[in-house]
């Protein structure tokens, strides 16, 4: 039997027309068909069901003031449902009235089976691509939220873990931060000790105003848990099972599982202190070996203050914190390996030196232009980079990028992307030099195909550089879950034209010094590495004499002061709007403003700036 994979709603009050549509669709056997004879009947069906495609006769589409089309577009779950309007060519003016409602296609009457099949399949494929795009966007937003918290909270906590010598204080800090991030009422930290036991070392409960730390030698509110029973078999206990399987457990309501799993010592604690443990999130502490378990009880909704289940976001954040705690445990051993640490620092310095070699040592100075850059990594190795390089026919490539990660992984990813973009961007320039001897002897330059600043080959060079880089990363490094925002512009100095692709990067600023107007060069495509089939559009702007172009990474606008206030885009734009100055003066003013804003606060993210100034005629 053929599989049904799509629901198609057919709206038509003419039986013969309905049959001409349903018969071939039934024969293909790929669809579940629902037939409605009026918009009212269709709306009633859609009140409780969803469909993947709607085929509606044009007069019914217009009936009751576009009732069915209006209902589709105002219903969130149906808003992007494709619609095929059936009509004769004489009724095309009526079809055009439906166009403002969005995803509208046209199928001429009478029905031709081959054309029907083509339009249905095309619309279903488009619908599937849209669903995939929306799913990717949702996943990206969720990832970005976790990434932002990693930057602002978990990474600073990791720095404290690596520097703090009071280990018990650090474990308490992990529990308190975990409770705060996940809005949990209680947190418990277990460590694996000898004899295969999980020993509670920290417990904090807000509603009971109770804090217990094992180092204080107070009586523990929880007893130790044995990983194995007297027969050597794994204990069927929630906490010990998480430790042994190294798999997170997220229970919305423990009272639904009272008889299904051993929750000890949670029920005993509830009985002793009059507490009610409902939602429970338990994650393992693992760094090469199982070290313990971090457990949170009762997530609270910040608004209603009611106990709610822990979300997937809470789980991701807690797992990140648990990883930091595991690293802290390992640091106890690492502190006694001084020589290994020195060797690691030497290797890190080598990595830093190698990475700095990827940045341009000097910047070009085309006639009538100023170009400048600043780079301030937050650590020895960085995920930010900028690049300025020559391209075909005296054009310049301008690149700035931010890898969505930290540390060595980001540094390696940065080196890969920088190499790919420059190699693809300069390949035509390389071929010209090989073919015409440019730079080797004073020979004629290759003939211009057009008098325009940019012609088709220039556009292809730009789109290929981005498209091929994205394809390589998405195909070969998708398991690393790393991606990069990147702006790649091609500048034609004589004309002042800038052609660019913005891959999800912070919009560079184009400042009109004569009018004070600020223009933002918005993204024209997603970040690199998010999707194998991502599409990137090319845009073009004029940088007239006197105008300033400023690109930056989010480390500039999101750097925080001791009061946890960000630097902001508005403050950056205000510096641009001040009295005219050179590019070097502009970058120095921004650097000074950032330093004064940051004060004694830590720099969490890398800071990168790239500016160009089209000098006014003298």
Protein backbone atom coordinates (compact mmCIF):
# COMPACT_ATOMS: atom_id res chain seq x y z
CA UNK A 1 0.00 0.00 0.00
CA UNK A 2 1.35 3.44 -0.94
CA UNK A 3 2.32 5.70 1.96
CA UNK A 4 0.22 8.79 2.66
CA UNK A 5 2.52 11.67 3.40
CA UNK A 6 0.61 14.88 2.63
CA UNK A 7 -2.88 16.25 3.31
CA UNK A 8 -4.45 18.10 0.39
CA UNK A 9 -7.64 20.15 0.88
CA UNK A 10 -9.69 20.59 -2.33
CA UNK A 11 -12.37 23.30 -2.32
CA UNK A 12 -14.74 23.20 -5.28
CA UNK A 13 -18.54 23.18 -5.62
CA UNK A 14 -18.50 21.49 -9.03
CA UNK A 15 -18.49 17.71 -8.91
CA UNK A 16 -16.96 17.24 -12.34
CA UNK A 17 -14.07 19.59 -11.56
CA UNK A 18 -13.49 17.83 -8.23
CA UNK A 19 -13.27 14.49 -9.95
CA UNK A 20 -10.76 15.86 -12.49
CA UNK A 21 -8.50 16.77 -9.56
CA UNK A 22 -9.08 13.92 -7.12
CA UNK A 23 -8.92 11.07 -9.64
CA UNK A 24 -5.26 11.53 -10.70
CA UNK A 25 -4.22 12.35 -7.13
CA UNK A 26 -5.83 9.15 -5.88
CA UNK A 27 -4.14 7.21 -8.66
CA UNK A 28 -0.72 8.52 -7.67
CA UNK A 29 -1.49 7.40 -4.12
CA UNK A 30 0.77 9.94 -2.42
CA UNK A 31 -1.87 12.09 -0.76
CA UNK A 32 -4.75 12.08 1.68
CA UNK A 33 -7.51 14.13 0.02
CA UNK A 34 -10.16 16.20 1.80
CA UNK A 35 -12.92 17.74 -0.32
CA UNK A 36 -14.96 20.76 0.80
CA UNK A 37 -17.74 22.26 -1.32
CA UNK A 38 -17.65 25.75 0.20
CA UNK A 39 -15.25 28.06 2.03
CA UNK A 40 -17.38 27.74 5.17
CA UNK A 41 -17.05 23.96 5.12
CA UNK A 42 -13.29 24.26 4.58
CA UNK A 43 -12.86 26.74 7.45
CA UNK A 44 -14.79 24.41 9.76
CA UNK A 45 -12.41 21.58 8.86
CA UNK A 46 -9.31 23.74 9.38
CA UNK A 47 -10.50 24.73 12.83
CA UNK A 48 -9.20 21.40 14.14
CA UNK A 49 -6.93 20.07 11.37
CA UNK A 50 -3.90 21.18 9.37
CA UNK A 51 -3.14 20.57 5.70
CA UNK A 52 -0.07 20.71 3.52
CA UNK A 53 -1.69 22.11 0.37
CA UNK A 54 -4.97 23.82 -0.60
CA UNK A 55 -6.47 23.65 -4.13
CA UNK A 56 -9.39 26.08 -4.46
CA UNK A 57 -11.54 27.21 -7.39
CA UNK A 58 -11.13 30.95 -7.97
CA UNK A 59 -14.74 32.00 -7.34
CA UNK A 60 -14.72 30.17 -4.00
CA UNK A 61 -11.39 31.77 -3.12
CA UNK A 62 -13.06 35.19 -3.52
CA UNK A 63 -16.29 34.16 -1.81
CA UNK A 64 -17.28 35.80 1.49
CA UNK A 65 -14.54 38.41 1.15
CA UNK A 66 -11.71 35.90 0.66
CA UNK A 67 -12.85 33.85 3.68
CA UNK A 68 -10.66 30.80 3.09
CA UNK A 69 -7.52 32.78 2.16
CA UNK A 70 -7.97 35.07 5.14
CA UNK A 71 -8.41 32.11 7.49
CA UNK A 72 -5.25 30.45 6.19
CA UNK A 73 -3.10 33.54 6.62
CA UNK A 74 -4.33 34.48 10.10
CA UNK A 75 -3.88 30.96 11.51
CA UNK A 76 -0.30 30.50 12.71
CA UNK A 77 -0.09 26.79 11.88
CA UNK A 78 -1.48 27.38 8.36
CA UNK A 79 0.10 30.74 7.51
CA UNK A 80 2.67 29.31 5.09
CA UNK A 81 0.40 26.70 3.50
CA UNK A 82 0.72 26.91 -0.32
CA UNK A 83 -2.50 27.57 -2.26
CA UNK A 84 -3.22 26.61 -5.87
CA UNK A 85 -6.02 28.62 -7.51
CA UNK A 86 -7.87 26.81 -10.32
CA UNK A 87 -9.38 29.06 -12.98
CA UNK A 88 -9.83 29.47 -16.69
CA UNK A 89 -7.59 31.91 -18.50
CA UNK A 90 -10.60 34.19 -18.83
CA UNK A 91 -10.71 34.39 -15.02
CA UNK A 92 -7.08 35.42 -14.61
CA UNK A 93 -8.10 38.92 -13.40
CA UNK A 94 -9.86 37.20 -10.50
CA UNK A 95 -6.73 35.18 -9.71
CA UNK A 96 -4.67 38.36 -9.44
CA UNK A 97 -6.96 39.53 -6.64
CA UNK A 98 -5.72 36.58 -4.58
CA UNK A 99 -2.03 37.39 -4.95
CA UNK A 100 -1.82 39.69 -1.88
CA UNK A 101 -2.56 36.66 0.30
CA UNK A 102 0.92 35.22 -0.21
CA UNK A 103 1.79 31.68 -1.33
CA UNK A 104 -0.51 31.66 -4.39
CA UNK A 105 -0.06 29.48 -7.50
CA UNK A 106 -2.27 29.16 -10.59
CA UNK A 107 -3.56 26.01 -12.31
CA UNK A 108 -5.57 26.50 -15.53
CA UNK A 109 -8.91 24.82 -16.14
CA UNK A 110 -9.73 22.35 -17.53
CA UNK A 111 -7.29 20.21 -15.52
CA UNK A 112 -4.37 18.60 -17.36
CA UNK A 113 -3.02 15.66 -15.34
CA UNK A 114 0.65 16.29 -16.12
CA UNK A 115 0.37 19.97 -15.19
CA UNK A 116 -1.57 19.13 -12.02
CA UNK A 117 1.13 16.70 -10.97
CA UNK A 118 3.89 19.23 -11.68
CA UNK A 119 2.24 22.06 -9.72
CA UNK A 120 1.34 19.87 -6.74
CA UNK A 121 4.84 18.42 -6.47
CA UNK A 122 6.46 21.85 -6.92
CA UNK A 123 4.32 23.39 -4.17
CA UNK A 124 4.91 20.45 -1.83
CA UNK A 125 8.66 20.70 -2.35
CA UNK A 126 8.53 24.43 -1.68
CA UNK A 127 6.51 23.79 1.47
CA UNK A 128 9.04 21.22 2.66
CA UNK A 129 11.93 23.63 2.08
CA UNK A 130 10.09 26.33 4.01
CA UNK A 131 9.51 23.97 6.93
CA UNK A 132 13.18 23.07 6.94
CA UNK A 133 14.15 26.75 6.89
CA UNK A 134 11.82 27.59 9.77
CA UNK A 135 13.11 24.61 11.70
CA UNK A 136 16.70 25.71 11.10
CA UNK A 137 15.85 29.24 12.21
CA UNK A 138 14.24 27.95 15.41
CA UNK A 139 17.26 25.77 16.10
CA UNK A 140 19.58 28.68 15.38
CA UNK A 141 17.72 31.00 17.77
CA UNK A 142 17.81 28.34 20.49
CA UNK A 143 21.52 27.80 19.90
CA UNK A 144 22.19 31.54 19.96
CA UNK A 145 20.37 31.91 23.27
CA UNK A 146 22.52 29.20 24.82
CA UNK A 147 25.63 30.69 23.19
CA UNK A 148 24.86 34.14 24.61
CA UNK A 149 24.55 32.68 28.10
CA UNK A 150 27.77 30.78 27.57
CA UNK A 151 29.49 34.07 26.75
CA UNK A 152 27.99 36.07 29.61
CA UNK A 153 27.78 33.56 32.46
CA UNK A 154 29.19 30.09 31.94
CA UNK A 155 32.50 31.10 30.35
CA UNK A 156 33.30 33.63 33.11
CA UNK A 157 32.41 30.94 35.62
CA UNK A 158 34.82 28.61 33.85
CA UNK A 159 37.56 31.21 34.23
CA UNK A 160 36.87 31.40 37.97
CA UNK A 161 36.94 27.62 38.22
CA UNK A 162 40.37 27.48 36.63
CA UNK A 163 41.80 30.17 38.95
CA UNK A 164 40.05 29.59 42.29
CA UNK A 165 41.92 27.45 44.82
CA UNK A 166 39.01 27.09 47.26
CA UNK A 167 37.40 24.07 45.67
CA UNK A 168 34.36 23.87 47.97
CA UNK A 169 33.55 27.51 47.29
CA UNK A 170 33.63 26.80 43.57
CA UNK A 171 31.28 23.83 43.91
CA UNK A 172 28.85 26.04 45.84
CA UNK A 173 29.12 28.65 43.12
CA UNK A 174 28.24 26.06 40.47
CA UNK A 175 25.09 25.03 42.35
CA UNK A 176 23.97 28.61 42.98
CA UNK A 177 24.59 29.63 39.36
CA UNK A 178 22.76 26.54 38.09
CA UNK A 179 19.76 27.32 40.29
CA UNK A 180 19.75 30.92 39.13
CA UNK A 181 20.00 30.11 35.42
CA UNK A 182 17.27 27.45 35.55
CA UNK A 183 15.03 29.21 38.12
CA UNK A 184 15.30 26.15 40.37
CA UNK A 185 14.35 26.09 44.04
CA UNK A 186 16.83 23.41 45.09
CA UNK A 187 20.18 22.18 43.87
CA UNK A 188 22.27 19.20 44.96
CA UNK A 189 25.79 18.25 43.93
CA UNK A 190 27.08 14.69 44.35
CA UNK A 191 30.70 13.62 43.86
CA UNK A 192 31.90 10.12 43.19
CA UNK A 193 34.10 8.88 46.04
CA UNK A 194 35.80 5.61 46.95
CA UNK A 195 33.76 2.40 47.20
CA UNK A 196 31.66 3.58 44.24
CA UNK A 197 29.48 5.96 46.21
CA UNK A 198 27.86 9.26 45.29
CA UNK A 199 28.53 11.57 48.20
CA UNK A 200 26.42 14.77 48.54
CA UNK A 201 28.76 17.76 48.94
CA UNK A 202 26.51 20.80 48.37
CA UNK A 203 22.76 21.35 48.84
CA UNK A 204 20.87 24.65 48.55
CA UNK A 205 17.12 25.15 48.97
CA UNK A 206 15.59 28.61 48.58
CA UNK A 207 12.08 28.06 49.96
CA UNK A 208 13.46 26.26 53.03
CA UNK A 209 16.30 28.83 53.36
CA UNK A 210 18.63 25.86 53.72
CA UNK A 211 22.26 25.66 52.60
CA UNK A 212 24.49 22.71 53.34
CA UNK A 213 28.14 22.34 52.33
CA UNK A 214 29.95 19.10 53.11
CA UNK A 215 33.14 20.89 54.12
CA UNK A 216 31.30 22.48 57.08
CA UNK A 217 31.05 19.05 58.79
CA UNK A 218 27.34 19.50 59.40
CA UNK A 219 24.95 16.57 59.26
CA UNK A 220 24.03 15.91 55.66
CA UNK A 221 20.33 16.18 54.71
CA UNK A 222 20.96 13.40 52.17
CA UNK A 223 22.65 10.06 52.60
CA UNK A 224 25.31 8.74 50.23
CA UNK A 225 24.13 6.58 47.33
CA UNK A 226 25.81 3.34 46.30
CA UNK A 227 26.26 2.90 42.57
CA UNK A 228 25.97 -0.90 42.84
CA UNK A 229 23.99 -3.20 45.12
CA UNK A 230 25.38 -6.04 47.24
CA UNK A 231 25.32 -8.33 44.20
CA UNK A 232 27.41 -5.95 42.12
CA UNK A 233 24.47 -4.96 39.93
CA UNK A 234 23.73 -1.31 39.04
CA UNK A 235 21.40 0.33 41.54
CA UNK A 236 18.04 1.23 39.99
CA UNK A 237 18.05 4.72 41.44
CA UNK A 238 17.46 7.91 39.45
CA UNK A 239 20.67 9.62 40.55
CA UNK A 240 22.93 6.58 40.33
CA UNK A 241 21.50 5.62 36.94
CA UNK A 242 22.39 9.08 35.57
CA UNK A 243 25.92 8.61 36.92
CA UNK A 244 26.36 5.13 35.45
CA UNK A 245 24.78 5.80 32.06
CA UNK A 246 26.17 9.35 31.86
CA UNK A 247 22.80 10.36 30.41
CA UNK A 248 20.74 13.36 31.55
CA UNK A 249 17.33 12.74 33.15
CA UNK A 250 14.61 15.40 32.89
CA UNK A 251 11.43 14.45 34.80
CA UNK A 252 8.47 16.88 34.56
CA UNK A 253 6.67 15.42 37.59
CA UNK A 254 8.29 12.91 39.96
CA UNK A 255 4.89 11.96 41.40
CA UNK A 256 3.98 10.40 38.06
CA UNK A 257 6.96 8.03 38.44
CA UNK A 258 6.77 7.12 42.11
CA UNK A 259 6.31 3.43 41.40
CA UNK A 260 8.38 3.32 38.22
CA UNK A 261 11.81 4.35 39.54
CA UNK A 262 13.61 4.70 42.86
CA UNK A 263 13.86 8.43 43.54
CA UNK A 264 15.70 8.14 46.88
CA UNK A 265 16.67 10.21 48.73
CA UNK A 266 14.14 12.75 47.37
CA UNK A 267 10.99 11.25 49.01
CA UNK A 268 12.82 10.93 52.35
CA UNK A 269 13.89 14.57 52.18
CA UNK A 270 10.33 15.67 51.34
CA UNK A 271 8.95 13.76 54.32
CA UNK A 272 11.59 15.06 56.73
CA UNK A 273 11.29 18.75 55.81
CA UNK A 274 7.68 19.02 54.54
CA UNK A 275 8.89 19.69 51.03
CA UNK A 276 7.36 18.66 47.69
CA UNK A 277 9.82 17.79 44.93
CA UNK A 278 8.02 17.86 41.57
CA UNK A 279 10.17 18.63 38.52
CA UNK A 280 13.67 17.17 38.57
CA UNK A 281 16.63 17.70 36.23
CA UNK A 282 19.72 15.52 36.79
CA UNK A 283 22.92 15.71 34.74
CA UNK A 284 26.19 13.77 35.00
CA UNK A 285 29.56 15.37 35.68
CA UNK A 286 31.87 13.75 33.20
CA UNK A 287 35.33 14.66 32.00
CA UNK A 288 37.04 11.54 30.65
CA UNK A 289 35.51 9.68 33.60
CA UNK A 290 32.34 9.94 35.66
CA UNK A 291 32.96 12.32 38.58
CA UNK A 292 29.53 13.08 40.00
CA UNK A 293 26.00 14.31 39.44
CA UNK A 294 24.37 17.76 39.51
CA UNK A 295 20.66 17.76 40.32
CA UNK A 296 18.06 20.56 40.31
CA UNK A 297 14.59 20.32 41.87
CA UNK A 298 11.46 22.39 41.12
CA UNK A 299 11.81 24.87 38.29
CA UNK A 300 9.75 28.01 38.95
CA UNK A 301 8.04 30.13 36.34
CA UNK A 302 9.47 33.65 36.90
CA UNK A 303 6.05 35.26 36.37
CA UNK A 304 3.52 32.90 37.95
CA UNK A 305 5.99 31.52 40.52
CA UNK A 306 4.48 28.09 39.97
CA UNK A 307 6.51 24.91 39.70
CA UNK A 308 6.98 23.97 36.03
CA UNK A 309 9.00 21.32 34.16
CA UNK A 310 12.59 22.07 33.22
CA UNK A 311 12.88 23.02 29.54
CA UNK A 312 15.34 21.85 26.90
CA UNK A 313 17.12 25.18 27.33
CA UNK A 314 17.51 24.52 31.06
CA UNK A 315 18.94 21.10 30.26
CA UNK A 316 21.51 22.50 27.82
CA UNK A 317 22.62 25.18 30.28
CA UNK A 318 22.89 22.73 33.17
CA UNK A 319 24.87 20.29 31.05
CA UNK A 320 27.29 23.11 30.21
CA UNK A 321 27.67 23.96 33.89
CA UNK A 322 28.20 20.31 34.72
CA UNK A 323 30.99 20.22 32.16
CA UNK A 324 32.60 23.19 33.89
CA UNK A 325 32.32 21.43 37.24
CA UNK A 326 33.98 18.35 35.80
CA UNK A 327 36.80 20.51 34.49
CA UNK A 328 37.20 21.98 37.98
CA UNK A 329 37.68 18.51 39.40
CA UNK A 330 40.30 17.76 36.82
CA UNK A 331 42.08 21.01 37.65
CA UNK A 332 42.94 19.58 41.06
CA UNK A 333 45.08 17.05 39.26
CA UNK A 334 46.34 19.51 36.68
CA UNK A 335 47.68 21.84 39.37
CA UNK A 336 50.16 19.11 40.26
CA UNK A 337 51.33 18.84 36.67
CA UNK A 338 53.20 22.09 36.41
CA UNK A 339 55.48 20.99 33.61
CA UNK A 340 52.56 19.88 31.50
CA UNK A 341 50.86 23.22 32.06
CA UNK A 342 53.99 25.08 31.01
CA UNK A 343 54.15 22.99 27.87
CA UNK A 344 50.48 23.73 27.19
CA UNK A 345 51.06 27.47 27.62
CA UNK A 346 53.95 27.31 25.19
CA UNK A 347 51.78 25.52 22.65
CA UNK A 348 49.04 28.09 23.19
CA UNK A 349 51.49 30.91 22.56
CA UNK A 350 52.58 29.20 19.36
CA UNK A 351 48.92 28.96 18.36
CA UNK A 352 48.49 32.66 19.11
CA UNK A 353 51.54 33.57 17.04
CA UNK A 354 50.38 31.40 14.15
CA UNK A 355 46.92 32.90 14.30
CA UNK A 356 48.30 36.44 14.24
CA UNK A 357 50.08 35.54 11.01
CA UNK A 358 46.69 35.01 9.41
CA UNK A 359 45.91 38.70 9.90
CA UNK A 360 47.30 41.13 7.30
CA UNK A 361 50.61 42.62 8.41
CA UNK A 362 50.03 45.77 6.33
CA UNK A 363 46.90 47.24 4.80
CA UNK A 364 46.66 48.58 1.24
CA UNK A 365 46.34 52.33 0.69
CA UNK A 366 44.54 52.95 -2.62
CA UNK A 367 44.57 56.54 -3.82
CA UNK A 368 41.83 58.59 -2.17
CA UNK A 369 41.14 56.04 0.57
CA UNK A 370 42.08 55.31 4.17
CA UNK A 371 41.87 51.76 5.53
CA UNK A 372 42.43 50.75 9.15
CA UNK A 373 41.73 47.89 11.54
CA UNK A 374 41.96 46.93 15.20
CA UNK A 375 42.02 43.46 16.75
CA UNK A 376 41.78 42.75 20.49
CA UNK A 377 41.39 39.03 21.30
CA UNK A 378 39.79 38.11 24.62
CA UNK A 379 42.20 35.19 25.02
CA UNK A 380 45.41 33.87 23.51
CA UNK A 381 43.52 32.42 20.57
CA UNK A 382 40.53 34.01 18.95
CA UNK A 383 37.50 33.27 16.79
CA UNK A 384 37.44 36.76 15.21
CA UNK A 385 39.39 37.83 12.16
CA UNK A 386 39.58 40.51 9.49
CA UNK A 387 41.27 40.54 6.12
CA UNK A 388 41.98 43.02 3.30
CA UNK A 389 43.44 41.70 0.07
CA UNK A 390 43.87 42.55 -3.60
CA UNK A 391 41.50 41.10 -6.17
CA UNK A 392 41.09 41.13 -9.90
CA UNK A 393 41.21 44.47 -11.76
CA UNK A 394 42.56 46.47 -8.79
CA UNK A 395 39.61 45.71 -6.55
CA UNK A 396 39.96 45.03 -2.83
CA UNK A 397 38.42 42.26 -0.76
CA UNK A 398 37.22 43.31 2.70
CA UNK A 399 36.36 40.57 5.21
CA UNK A 400 35.38 40.53 8.88
CA UNK A 401 34.09 37.45 10.70
CA UNK A 402 33.14 36.05 14.11
CA UNK A 403 33.23 32.32 14.89
CA UNK A 404 30.42 31.16 17.15
CA UNK A 405 32.69 29.48 19.70
CA UNK A 406 35.70 30.12 21.90
CA UNK A 407 39.18 28.77 22.36
CA UNK A 408 41.25 26.55 20.13
CA UNK A 409 38.24 25.16 18.23
CA UNK A 410 37.23 28.68 17.23
CA UNK A 411 40.83 29.55 16.34
CA UNK A 412 41.16 26.53 14.06
CA UNK A 413 37.79 27.26 12.50
CA UNK A 414 38.84 30.88 11.98
CA UNK A 415 42.00 29.78 10.16
CA UNK A 416 39.99 27.43 7.94
CA UNK A 417 37.36 30.02 6.96
CA UNK A 418 39.90 32.78 6.40
CA UNK A 419 41.94 30.49 4.14
CA UNK A 420 38.92 29.34 2.13
CA UNK A 421 37.47 32.82 1.62
CA UNK A 422 40.77 34.36 0.57
CA UNK A 423 41.71 31.44 -1.69
CA UNK A 424 38.36 31.46 -3.48
CA UNK A 425 38.28 35.27 -3.59
CA UNK A 426 41.75 35.63 -5.10
CA UNK A 427 41.77 32.71 -7.50
CA UNK A 428 40.85 34.83 -10.56
CA UNK A 429 43.54 37.34 -9.62
CA UNK A 430 45.99 34.43 -9.45
CA UNK A 431 44.91 33.15 -12.87
CA UNK A 432 45.33 36.66 -14.33
CA UNK A 433 48.85 36.86 -12.99
CA UNK A 434 49.67 33.46 -14.43
CA UNK A 435 48.08 34.30 -17.78
CA UNK A 436 49.00 37.96 -18.27
CA UNK A 437 52.06 38.24 -16.05
CA UNK A 438 50.57 40.98 -13.89
CA UNK A 439 53.03 41.89 -11.17
CA UNK A 440 55.85 40.11 -13.01
CA UNK A 441 56.38 42.46 -15.96
CA UNK A 442 54.84 45.73 -17.21
CA UNK A 443 52.37 44.13 -19.60
CA UNK A 444 48.80 45.07 -20.45
CA UNK A 445 46.08 44.18 -17.98
CA UNK A 446 43.38 41.71 -19.01
CA UNK A 447 40.66 43.29 -21.14
CA UNK A 448 37.59 44.60 -19.33
CA UNK A 449 34.39 42.85 -20.24
CA UNK A 450 32.33 45.87 -19.29
CA UNK A 451 32.80 49.45 -18.16
CA UNK A 452 30.72 48.77 -15.04
CA UNK A 453 32.72 48.63 -11.78
CA UNK A 454 31.42 45.08 -11.29
CA UNK A 455 30.48 42.66 -14.02
CA UNK A 456 29.31 39.08 -14.00
CA UNK A 457 32.73 37.58 -13.27
CA UNK A 458 33.13 39.80 -10.21
CA UNK A 459 29.72 38.76 -8.90
CA UNK A 460 30.56 35.11 -9.53
CA UNK A 461 33.86 35.43 -7.70
CA UNK A 462 32.07 36.84 -4.66
CA UNK A 463 29.19 34.36 -4.65
CA UNK A 464 31.51 31.41 -5.32
CA UNK A 465 33.81 32.38 -2.46
CA UNK A 466 30.90 32.46 -0.01
CA UNK A 467 28.94 29.57 -1.52
CA UNK A 468 31.91 27.19 -1.76
CA UNK A 469 33.12 28.08 1.73
CA UNK A 470 29.65 27.46 3.17
CA UNK A 471 29.32 24.21 1.22
CA UNK A 472 32.66 22.89 2.46
CA UNK A 473 31.98 23.76 6.10
CA UNK A 474 28.40 22.49 6.10
CA UNK A 475 29.37 19.23 4.40
CA UNK A 476 32.58 18.43 6.27
CA UNK A 477 32.25 20.06 9.69
CA UNK A 478 28.54 19.89 10.52
CA UNK A 479 29.19 17.60 13.50
CA UNK A 480 31.25 20.30 15.22
CA UNK A 481 28.15 22.56 15.36
CA UNK A 482 30.38 25.55 14.61
CA UNK A 483 29.32 28.38 12.37
CA UNK A 484 30.51 31.87 11.56
CA UNK A 485 28.97 35.24 10.82
CA UNK A 486 30.94 36.96 8.07
CA UNK A 487 30.84 40.10 5.94
CA UNK A 488 32.66 39.96 2.59
CA UNK A 489 32.79 43.12 0.51
CA UNK A 490 34.49 43.85 -2.81
CA UNK A 491 35.52 47.50 -3.15
CA UNK A 492 36.17 49.25 -6.46
CA UNK A 493 38.26 52.25 -5.30
CA UNK A 494 37.93 54.40 -8.46
CA UNK A 495 34.12 54.36 -8.44
CA UNK A 496 33.51 53.98 -4.71
CA UNK A 497 31.21 51.02 -5.34
CA UNK A 498 31.05 48.27 -2.71
CA UNK A 499 29.53 44.91 -3.63
CA UNK A 500 28.99 42.61 -0.66
CA UNK A 501 27.43 39.55 0.93
CA UNK A 502 26.57 39.72 4.63
CA UNK A 503 26.39 36.21 6.11
CA UNK A 504 24.39 36.92 9.27
CA UNK A 505 27.01 39.37 10.58
CA UNK A 506 26.37 42.54 12.59
CA UNK A 507 25.34 45.11 9.97
CA UNK A 508 28.35 47.29 9.11
CA UNK A 509 27.74 51.03 9.38
CA UNK A 510 27.90 53.38 6.39
CA UNK A 511 28.16 56.95 7.71
CA UNK A 512 27.33 59.90 5.46
CA UNK A 513 29.54 62.63 6.89
CA UNK A 514 27.77 65.42 4.96
CA UNK A 515 24.24 64.58 6.13
CA UNK A 516 24.92 62.64 9.34
CA UNK A 517 22.79 59.80 7.97
CA UNK A 518 23.64 56.26 9.05
CA UNK A 519 22.97 53.28 6.77
CA UNK A 520 23.21 49.69 8.00
CA UNK A 521 24.29 46.95 5.59
CA UNK A 522 21.88 44.25 6.71
CA UNK A 523 22.48 40.47 6.32
CA UNK A 524 21.86 39.07 2.84
CA UNK A 525 22.12 35.44 3.91
CA UNK A 526 22.54 33.16 6.95
CA UNK A 527 25.71 32.48 8.89
CA UNK A 528 28.27 30.20 7.22
CA UNK A 529 27.94 26.54 8.19
CA UNK A 530 24.28 26.55 9.19
CA UNK A 531 22.86 24.98 6.04
CA UNK A 532 24.37 23.10 3.11
CA UNK A 533 21.87 24.67 0.70
CA UNK A 534 21.91 28.21 2.09
CA UNK A 535 21.36 31.03 -0.38
CA UNK A 536 23.30 34.29 -0.30
CA UNK A 537 22.23 37.48 -2.05
CA UNK A 538 24.61 40.15 -3.34
CA UNK A 539 24.00 43.82 -2.54
CA UNK A 540 25.77 46.95 -3.73
CA UNK A 541 26.22 50.42 -2.22
CA UNK A 542 28.04 53.64 -3.08
CA UNK A 543 30.71 54.92 -0.72
CA UNK A 544 30.87 58.52 -1.86
CA UNK A 545 33.76 60.84 -1.03
CA UNK A 546 33.64 61.75 2.66
CA UNK A 547 31.73 58.62 3.68
CA UNK A 548 33.00 56.14 6.29
CA UNK A 549 32.44 52.38 6.34
CA UNK A 550 32.80 50.65 9.73
CA UNK A 551 32.49 46.90 10.29
CA UNK A 552 32.81 45.27 13.71
CA UNK A 553 32.18 42.07 15.66
CA UNK A 554 29.68 41.79 18.51
CA UNK A 555 32.51 41.95 21.04
CA UNK A 556 32.47 45.73 20.47
CA UNK A 557 28.82 46.49 21.22
CA UNK A 558 28.27 43.72 23.78
CA UNK A 559 31.28 44.32 26.02
CA UNK A 560 30.05 44.99 29.56
CA UNK A 561 31.15 47.31 32.33
CA UNK A 562 31.27 46.39 36.05
CA UNK A 563 27.55 47.27 36.24
CA UNK A 564 26.86 44.63 33.55
CA UNK A 565 25.79 47.31 31.02
CA UNK A 566 26.66 46.76 27.37
CA UNK A 567 28.55 49.26 25.24
CA UNK A 568 25.64 49.24 22.66
CA UNK A 569 25.37 50.08 18.98
CA UNK A 570 24.05 53.54 19.80
CA UNK A 571 27.26 54.50 21.58
CA UNK A 572 29.32 53.26 18.65
CA UNK A 573 27.21 55.27 16.19
CA UNK A 574 27.53 58.36 18.38
CA UNK A 575 31.32 58.19 18.09
CA UNK A 576 30.97 58.03 14.32
CA UNK A 577 28.76 61.11 14.32
CA UNK A 578 31.37 63.27 16.05
CA UNK A 579 33.72 65.76 14.39
CA UNK A 580 35.36 64.39 11.19
CA UNK A 581 38.64 62.59 11.74
CA UNK A 582 40.97 60.09 10.09
CA UNK A 583 40.38 56.34 10.20
CA UNK A 584 43.21 55.90 12.69
CA UNK A 585 41.71 58.60 14.94
CA UNK A 586 38.27 57.00 14.64
CA UNK A 587 39.53 53.56 15.68
CA UNK A 588 41.57 55.06 18.52
CA UNK A 589 38.48 56.90 19.82
CA UNK A 590 36.46 53.70 19.71
CA UNK A 591 39.25 51.84 21.50
CA UNK A 592 39.41 54.51 24.21
CA UNK A 593 35.63 54.53 24.66
CA UNK A 594 35.54 50.74 24.99
CA UNK A 595 38.40 50.73 27.49
CA UNK A 596 36.75 53.42 29.61
CA UNK A 597 33.40 51.61 29.47
CA UNK A 598 34.86 48.23 30.39
CA UNK A 599 36.87 49.66 33.26
CA UNK A 600 37.92 46.68 35.42
CA UNK A 601 35.40 44.25 34.00
CA UNK A 602 36.61 41.19 32.11
CA UNK A 603 36.67 41.15 28.33
CA UNK A 604 34.63 38.06 27.47
CA UNK A 605 34.54 38.30 23.68
CA UNK A 606 37.02 39.20 20.97
CA UNK A 607 36.92 42.75 19.60
CA UNK A 608 37.56 43.43 15.92
CA UNK A 609 37.10 46.63 13.90
CA UNK A 610 37.58 47.36 10.19
CA UNK A 611 37.12 50.89 8.81
CA UNK A 612 37.53 52.54 5.41
CA UNK A 613 37.20 56.23 4.56
CA UNK A 614 36.64 57.62 1.07
CA UNK A 615 38.60 60.85 1.30
CA UNK A 616 36.88 63.96 -0.05
CA UNK A 617 38.63 65.68 -2.95
CA UNK A 618 41.20 68.26 -1.94
